[in-house]
Amino acid sequence: MARGSKVSLIFRMRLVPCSCGTTFAVSENYGRQGTAWGRYLKCPNCGKHHDPKNRLLQLGFQRDGYWKVDGC
């Protein structure tokens, strides 16, 4: 990398919220791999099954030092 060049890093979290208040962090490609039944997450608090493709929140880290919802 050349001296003085800037690298733009984008930090993102992908979260699956549950109605009981628990939130799961998942990888970017979590819902795209495996079988349909294998991708469902079970909430450790209430036992509900969640499909990460259905309610995935994307949070992006802002330069100002906080996280902001990028998309739902």
PDB file of N, CA and C in Angstrom:
ATOM      1  N   MET A   1       0.846  -1.174   0.000  1.00  0.00           N
ATOM      2  CA  MET A   1       0.000   0.000   0.000  1.00  0.00           C
ATOM      3  C   MET A   1       0.887   1.231   0.000  1.00  0.00           C
ATOM      4  N   ALA A   2       0.541   2.188  -0.799  1.00  0.00           N
ATOM      5  CA  ALA A   2       1.320   3.413  -0.915  1.00  0.00           C
ATOM      6  C   ALA A   2       1.132   4.289   0.311  1.00  0.00           C
ATOM      7  N   ARG A   3       2.151   5.025   0.605  1.00  0.00           N
ATOM      8  CA  ARG A   3       2.097   5.913   1.757  1.00  0.00           C
ATOM      9  C   ARG A   3       1.097   7.040   1.500  1.00  0.00           C
ATOM     10  N   GLY A   4       0.305   7.359   2.488  1.00  0.00           N
ATOM     11  CA  GLY A   4      -0.657   8.441   2.356  1.00  0.00           C
ATOM     12  C   GLY A   4      -1.995   8.015   1.760  1.00  0.00           C
ATOM     13  N   SER A   5      -2.098   6.773   1.287  1.00  0.00           N
ATOM     14  CA  SER A   5      -3.384   6.334   0.743  1.00  0.00           C
ATOM     15  C   SER A   5      -4.316   5.959   1.884  1.00  0.00           C
ATOM     16  N   LYS A   6      -5.575   6.224   1.699  1.00  0.00           N
ATOM     17  CA  LYS A   6      -6.564   5.948   2.738  1.00  0.00           C
ATOM     18  C   LYS A   6      -7.327   4.682   2.398  1.00  0.00           C
ATOM     19  N   VAL A   7      -7.562   3.887   3.417  1.00  0.00           N
ATOM     20  CA  VAL A   7      -8.336   2.666   3.255  1.00  0.00           C
ATOM     21  C   VAL A   7      -9.674   2.874   3.940  1.00  0.00           C
ATOM     22  N   SER A   8     -10.739   2.606   3.232  1.00  0.00           N
ATOM     23  CA  SER A   8     -12.077   2.755   3.790  1.00  0.00           C
ATOM     24  C   SER A   8     -12.569   1.392   4.278  1.00  0.00           C
ATOM     25  N   LEU A   9     -12.609   1.230   5.582  1.00  0.00           N
ATOM     26  CA  LEU A   9     -13.115  -0.006   6.168  1.00  0.00           C
ATOM     27  C   LEU A   9     -14.550   0.201   6.615  1.00  0.00           C
ATOM     28  N   ILE A  10     -15.389  -0.757   6.293  1.00  0.00           N
ATOM     29  CA  ILE A  10     -16.788  -0.689   6.707  1.00  0.00           C
ATOM     30  C   ILE A  10     -17.045  -1.834   7.669  1.00  0.00           C
ATOM     31  N   PHE A  11     -17.398  -1.491   8.893  1.00  0.00           N
ATOM     32  CA  PHE A  11     -17.724  -2.496   9.893  1.00  0.00           C
ATOM     33  C   PHE A  11     -19.239  -2.604   9.975  1.00  0.00           C
ATOM     34  N   ARG A  12     -19.735  -3.838   9.871  1.00  0.00           N
ATOM     35  CA  ARG A  12     -21.178  -4.068   9.950  1.00  0.00           C
ATOM     36  C   ARG A  12     -21.476  -5.233  10.867  1.00  0.00           C
ATOM     37  N   MET A  13     -22.598  -5.136  11.561  1.00  0.00           N
ATOM     38  CA  MET A  13     -23.123  -6.248  12.354  1.00  0.00           C
ATOM     39  C   MET A  13     -24.470  -6.606  11.767  1.00  0.00           C
ATOM     40  N   ARG A  14     -24.756  -7.895  11.739  1.00  0.00           N
ATOM     41  CA  ARG A  14     -26.057  -8.379  11.293  1.00  0.00           C
ATOM     42  C   ARG A  14     -26.728  -9.044  12.477  1.00  0.00           C
ATOM     43  N   LEU A  15     -27.913  -8.546  12.838  1.00  0.00           N
ATOM     44  CA  LEU A  15     -28.594  -8.989  14.047  1.00  0.00           C
ATOM     45  C   LEU A  15     -29.985  -9.522  13.731  1.00  0.00           C
ATOM     46  N   VAL A  16     -30.382 -10.545  14.458  1.00  0.00           N
ATOM     47  CA  VAL A  16     -31.731 -11.100  14.365  1.00  0.00           C
ATOM     48  C   VAL A  16     -32.406 -10.862  15.714  1.00  0.00           C
ATOM     49  N   PRO A  17     -33.397  -9.965  15.788  1.00  0.00           N
ATOM     50  CA  PRO A  17     -34.071  -9.687  17.058  1.00  0.00           C
ATOM     51  C   PRO A  17     -35.182 -10.689  17.346  1.00  0.00           C
ATOM     52  N   CYS A  18     -35.413 -10.955  18.615  1.00  0.00           N
ATOM     53  CA  CYS A  18     -36.503 -11.824  19.059  1.00  0.00           C
ATOM     54  C   CYS A  18     -37.514 -10.985  19.833  1.00  0.00           C
ATOM     55  N   SER A  19     -38.757 -11.387  19.840  1.00  0.00           N
ATOM     56  CA  SER A  19     -39.797 -10.636  20.545  1.00  0.00           C
ATOM     57  C   SER A  19     -39.602 -10.647  22.057  1.00  0.00           C
ATOM     58  N   CYS A  20     -38.787 -11.576  22.573  1.00  0.00           N
ATOM     59  CA  CYS A  20     -38.539 -11.626  24.015  1.00  0.00           C
ATOM     60  C   CYS A  20     -37.451 -10.642  24.456  1.00  0.00           C
ATOM     61  N   GLY A  21     -36.797  -9.967  23.496  1.00  0.00           N
ATOM     62  CA  GLY A  21     -35.772  -8.982  23.820  1.00  0.00           C
ATOM     63  C   GLY A  21     -34.352  -9.443  23.550  1.00  0.00           C
ATOM     64  N   THR A  22     -34.156 -10.725  23.259  1.00  0.00           N
ATOM     65  CA  THR A  22     -32.831 -11.249  22.939  1.00  0.00           C
ATOM     66  C   THR A  22     -32.503 -10.928  21.484  1.00  0.00           C
ATOM     67  N   THR A  23     -31.231 -10.649  21.193  1.00  0.00           N
ATOM     68  CA  THR A  23     -30.787 -10.369  19.838  1.00  0.00           C
ATOM     69  C   THR A  23     -29.613 -11.267  19.497  1.00  0.00           C
ATOM     70  N   PHE A  24     -29.635 -11.858  18.284  1.00  0.00           N
ATOM     71  CA  PHE A  24     -28.575 -12.757  17.809  1.00  0.00           C
ATOM     72  C   PHE A  24     -27.717 -12.044  16.788  1.00  0.00           C
ATOM     73  N   ALA A  25     -26.418 -12.180  16.903  1.00  0.00           N
ATOM     74  CA  ALA A  25     -25.509 -11.694  15.865  1.00  0.00           C
ATOM     75  C   ALA A  25     -25.189 -12.868  14.943  1.00  0.00           C
ATOM     76  N   VAL A  26     -25.285 -12.656  13.641  1.00  0.00           N
ATOM     77  CA  VAL A  26     -25.009 -13.708  12.662  1.00  0.00           C
ATOM     78  C   VAL A  26     -24.021 -13.200  11.623  1.00  0.00           C
ATOM     79  N   SER A  27     -23.371 -14.130  10.926  1.00  0.00           N
ATOM     80  CA  SER A  27     -22.443 -13.753   9.861  1.00  0.00           C
ATOM     81  C   SER A  27     -23.222 -13.302   8.630  1.00  0.00           C
ATOM     82  N   GLU A  28     -22.527 -12.643   7.725  1.00  0.00           N
ATOM     83  CA  GLU A  28     -23.173 -12.090   6.527  1.00  0.00           C
ATOM     84  C   GLU A  28     -23.848 -13.160   5.675  1.00  0.00           C
ATOM     85  N   ASN A  29     -23.226 -14.314   5.549  1.00  0.00           N
ATOM     86  CA  ASN A  29     -23.769 -15.363   4.679  1.00  0.00           C
ATOM     87  C   ASN A  29     -24.465 -16.476   5.451  1.00  0.00           C
ATOM     88  N   TYR A  30     -24.886 -16.228   6.675  1.00  0.00           N
ATOM     89  CA  TYR A  30     -25.478 -17.270   7.513  1.00  0.00           C
ATOM     90  C   TYR A  30     -26.705 -17.911   6.871  1.00  0.00           C
ATOM     91  N   GLY A  31     -27.628 -17.121   6.362  1.00  0.00           N
ATOM     92  CA  GLY A  31     -28.866 -17.648   5.792  1.00  0.00           C
ATOM     93  C   GLY A  31     -28.725 -18.240   4.407  1.00  0.00           C
ATOM     94  N   ARG A  32     -27.585 -18.073   3.772  1.00  0.00           N
ATOM     95  CA  ARG A  32     -27.395 -18.560   2.409  1.00  0.00           C
ATOM     96  C   ARG A  32     -26.775 -19.946   2.342  1.00  0.00           C
ATOM     97  N   GLN A  33     -26.372 -20.486   3.474  1.00  0.00           N
ATOM     98  CA  GLN A  33     -25.722 -21.790   3.446  1.00  0.00           C
ATOM     99  C   GLN A  33     -26.548 -22.810   4.218  1.00  0.00           C
ATOM    100  N   GLY A  34     -26.418 -24.063   3.847  1.00  0.00           N
ATOM    101  CA  GLY A  34     -27.131 -25.130   4.538  1.00  0.00           C
ATOM    102  C   GLY A  34     -28.558 -25.300   4.062  1.00  0.00           C
ATOM    103  N   THR A  35     -29.269 -26.196   4.710  1.00  0.00           N
ATOM    104  CA  THR A  35     -30.661 -26.455   4.351  1.00  0.00           C
ATOM    105  C   THR A  35     -31.566 -25.408   4.977  1.00  0.00           C
ATOM    106  N   ALA A  36     -32.799 -25.380   4.524  1.00  0.00           N
ATOM    107  CA  ALA A  36     -33.751 -24.396   5.051  1.00  0.00           C
ATOM    108  C   ALA A  36     -33.959 -24.566   6.548  1.00  0.00           C
ATOM    109  N   TRP A  37     -34.083 -25.790   7.040  1.00  0.00           N
ATOM    110  CA  TRP A  37     -34.299 -26.010   8.473  1.00  0.00           C
ATOM    111  C   TRP A  37     -33.039 -25.766   9.279  1.00  0.00           C
ATOM    112  N   GLY A  38     -31.872 -25.997   8.669  1.00  0.00           N
ATOM    113  CA  GLY A  38     -30.615 -25.845   9.392  1.00  0.00           C
ATOM    114  C   GLY A  38     -30.212 -24.411   9.670  1.00  0.00           C
ATOM    115  N   ARG A  39     -30.794 -23.454   8.950  1.00  0.00           N
ATOM    116  CA  ARG A  39     -30.389 -22.065   9.148  1.00  0.00           C
ATOM    117  C   ARG A  39     -31.185 -21.363  10.254  1.00  0.00           C
ATOM    118  N   TYR A  40     -32.240 -21.976  10.750  1.00  0.00           N
ATOM    119  CA  TYR A  40     -33.055 -21.354  11.783  1.00  0.00           C
ATOM    120  C   TYR A  40     -32.307 -21.317  13.112  1.00  0.00           C
ATOM    121  N   LEU A  41     -32.393 -20.178  13.789  1.00  0.00           N
ATOM    122  CA  LEU A  41     -31.751 -20.004  15.087  1.00  0.00           C
ATOM    123  C   LEU A  41     -32.779 -20.193  16.187  1.00  0.00           C
ATOM    124  N   LYS A  42     -32.390 -20.881  17.233  1.00  0.00           N
ATOM    125  CA  LYS A  42     -33.280 -21.071  18.369  1.00  0.00           C
ATOM    126  C   LYS A  42     -32.878 -20.091  19.463  1.00  0.00           C
ATOM    127  N   CYS A  43     -33.828 -19.312  19.920  1.00  0.00           N
ATOM    128  CA  CYS A  43     -33.567 -18.334  20.977  1.00  0.00           C
ATOM    129  C   CYS A  43     -33.266 -19.062  22.283  1.00  0.00           C
ATOM    130  N   PRO A  44     -32.138 -18.769  22.922  1.00  0.00           N
ATOM    131  CA  PRO A  44     -31.815 -19.440  24.180  1.00  0.00           C
ATOM    132  C   PRO A  44     -32.709 -18.985  25.334  1.00  0.00           C
ATOM    133  N   ASN A  45     -33.379 -17.857  25.163  1.00  0.00           N
ATOM    134  CA  ASN A  45     -34.233 -17.327  26.226  1.00  0.00           C
ATOM    135  C   ASN A  45     -35.648 -17.910  26.194  1.00  0.00           C
ATOM    136  N   CYS A  46     -36.273 -17.940  24.990  1.00  0.00           N
ATOM    137  CA  CYS A  46     -37.667 -18.378  24.918  1.00  0.00           C
ATOM    138  C   CYS A  46     -37.879 -19.619  24.042  1.00  0.00           C
ATOM    139  N   GLY A  47     -36.891 -20.009  23.244  1.00  0.00           N
ATOM    140  CA  GLY A  47     -36.997 -21.215  22.427  1.00  0.00           C
ATOM    141  C   GLY A  47     -37.615 -21.028  21.055  1.00  0.00           C
ATOM    142  N   LYS A  48     -38.010 -19.799  20.686  1.00  0.00           N
ATOM    143  CA  LYS A  48     -38.575 -19.562  19.356  1.00  0.00           C
ATOM    144  C   LYS A  48     -37.509 -19.757  18.290  1.00  0.00           C
ATOM    145  N   HIS A  49     -37.953 -20.176  17.097  1.00  0.00           N
ATOM    146  CA  HIS A  49     -37.050 -20.351  15.966  1.00  0.00           C
ATOM    147  C   HIS A  49     -37.137 -19.126  15.057  1.00  0.00           C
ATOM    148  N   HIS A  50     -35.983 -18.650  14.611  1.00  0.00           N
ATOM    149  CA  HIS A  50     -35.928 -17.440  13.787  1.00  0.00           C
ATOM    150  C   HIS A  50     -35.168 -17.704  12.505  1.00  0.00           C
ATOM    151  N   ASP A  51     -35.707 -17.185  11.401  1.00  0.00           N
ATOM    152  CA  ASP A  51     -35.057 -17.255  10.103  1.00  0.00           C
ATOM    153  C   ASP A  51     -34.300 -15.946   9.904  1.00  0.00           C
ATOM    154  N   PRO A  52     -32.962 -15.982   9.812  1.00  0.00           N
ATOM    155  CA  PRO A  52     -32.211 -14.737   9.664  1.00  0.00           C
ATOM    156  C   PRO A  52     -32.529 -13.962   8.388  1.00  0.00           C
ATOM    157  N   LYS A  53     -33.074 -14.615   7.369  1.00  0.00           N
ATOM    158  CA  LYS A  53     -33.457 -13.896   6.150  1.00  0.00           C
ATOM    159  C   LYS A  53     -34.694 -13.037   6.384  1.00  0.00           C
ATOM    160  N   ASN A  54     -35.504 -13.402   7.346  1.00  0.00           N
ATOM    161  CA  ASN A  54     -36.775 -12.746   7.573  1.00  0.00           C
ATOM    162  C   ASN A  54     -36.648 -11.402   8.292  1.00  0.00           C
ATOM    163  N   ARG A  55     -35.881 -11.345   9.370  1.00  0.00           N
ATOM    164  CA  ARG A  55     -35.812 -10.135  10.193  1.00  0.00           C
ATOM    165  C   ARG A  55     -34.373  -9.724  10.468  1.00  0.00           C
ATOM    166  N   LEU A  56     -33.578  -9.595   9.470  1.00  0.00           N
ATOM    167  CA  LEU A  56     -32.171  -9.271   9.645  1.00  0.00           C
ATOM    168  C   LEU A  56     -31.973  -7.759   9.689  1.00  0.00           C
ATOM    169  N   LEU A  57     -31.407  -7.271  10.797  1.00  0.00           N
ATOM    170  CA  LEU A  57     -31.047  -5.860  10.918  1.00  0.00           C
ATOM    171  C   LEU A  57     -29.565  -5.716  10.606  1.00  0.00           C
ATOM    172  N   GLN A  58     -29.209  -4.711   9.849  1.00  0.00           N
ATOM    173  CA  GLN A  58     -27.807  -4.454   9.545  1.00  0.00           C
ATOM    174  C   GLN A  58     -27.405  -3.145  10.198  1.00  0.00           C
ATOM    175  N   LEU A  59     -26.403  -3.216  11.061  1.00  0.00           N
ATOM    176  CA  LEU A  59     -25.885  -2.025  11.717  1.00  0.00           C
ATOM    177  C   LEU A  59     -24.507  -1.720  11.151  1.00  0.00           C
ATOM    178  N   GLY A  60     -24.287  -0.474  10.804  1.00  0.00           N
ATOM    179  CA  GLY A  60     -22.990  -0.046  10.300  1.00  0.00           C
ATOM    180  C   GLY A  60     -22.348   0.915  11.277  1.00  0.00           C
ATOM    181  N   PHE A  61     -21.030   0.769  11.479  1.00  0.00           N
ATOM    182  CA  PHE A  61     -20.310   1.656  12.391  1.00  0.00           C
ATOM    183  C   PHE A  61     -20.001   2.969  11.683  1.00  0.00           C
ATOM    184  N   GLN A  62     -20.391   4.062  12.303  1.00  0.00           N
ATOM    185  CA  GLN A  62     -20.204   5.388  11.728  1.00  0.00           C
ATOM    186  C   GLN A  62     -18.873   5.990  12.185  1.00  0.00           C
ATOM    187  N   ARG A  63     -18.320   6.842  11.380  1.00  0.00           N
ATOM    188  CA  ARG A  63     -17.045   7.493  11.719  1.00  0.00           C
ATOM    189  C   ARG A  63     -17.137   8.322  12.992  1.00  0.00           C
ATOM    190  N   ASP A  64     -18.332   8.770  13.327  1.00  0.00           N
ATOM    191  CA  ASP A  64     -18.515   9.578  14.536  1.00  0.00           C
ATOM    192  C   ASP A  64     -18.441   8.752  15.812  1.00  0.00           C
ATOM    193  N   GLY A  65     -18.335   7.419  15.671  1.00  0.00           N
ATOM    194  CA  GLY A  65     -18.156   6.559  16.835  1.00  0.00           C
ATOM    195  C   GLY A  65     -19.415   5.893  17.363  1.00  0.00           C
ATOM    196  N   TYR A  66     -20.426   5.728  16.538  1.00  0.00           N
ATOM    197  CA  TYR A  66     -21.651   5.052  16.970  1.00  0.00           C
ATOM    198  C   TYR A  66     -22.134   4.105  15.877  1.00  0.00           C
ATOM    199  N   TRP A  67     -23.068   3.202  16.247  1.00  0.00           N
ATOM    200  CA  TRP A  67     -23.656   2.244  15.302  1.00  0.00           C
ATOM    201  C   TRP A  67     -24.997   2.799  14.823  1.00  0.00           C
ATOM    202  N   LYS A  68     -25.303   2.610  13.533  1.00  0.00           N
ATOM    203  CA  LYS A  68     -26.539   3.098  12.948  1.00  0.00           C
ATOM    204  C   LYS A  68     -27.149   1.991  12.087  1.00  0.00           C
ATOM    205  N   VAL A  69     -28.465   1.874  12.080  1.00  0.00           N
ATOM    206  CA  VAL A  69     -29.144   0.868  11.261  1.00  0.00           C
ATOM    207  C   VAL A  69     -28.963   1.233   9.795  1.00  0.00           C
ATOM    208  N   ASP A  70     -28.343   0.300   9.035  1.00  0.00           N
ATOM    209  CA  ASP A  70     -28.145   0.494   7.598  1.00  0.00           C
ATOM    210  C   ASP A  70     -29.334  -0.012   6.803  1.00  0.00           C
ATOM    211  N   GLY A  71     -29.929  -1.083   7.253  1.00  0.00           N
ATOM    212  CA  GLY A  71     -31.067  -1.650   6.534  1.00  0.00           C
ATOM    213  C   GLY A  71     -31.733  -2.729   7.342  1.00  0.00           C
ATOM    214  N   CYS A  72     -32.934  -3.056   6.958  1.00  0.00           N
ATOM    215  CA  CYS A  72     -33.700  -4.095   7.651  1.00  0.00           C
ATOM    216  C   CYS A  72     -34.093  -5.163   6.653  1.00  0.00           C
TER     217      CYS A  72
END
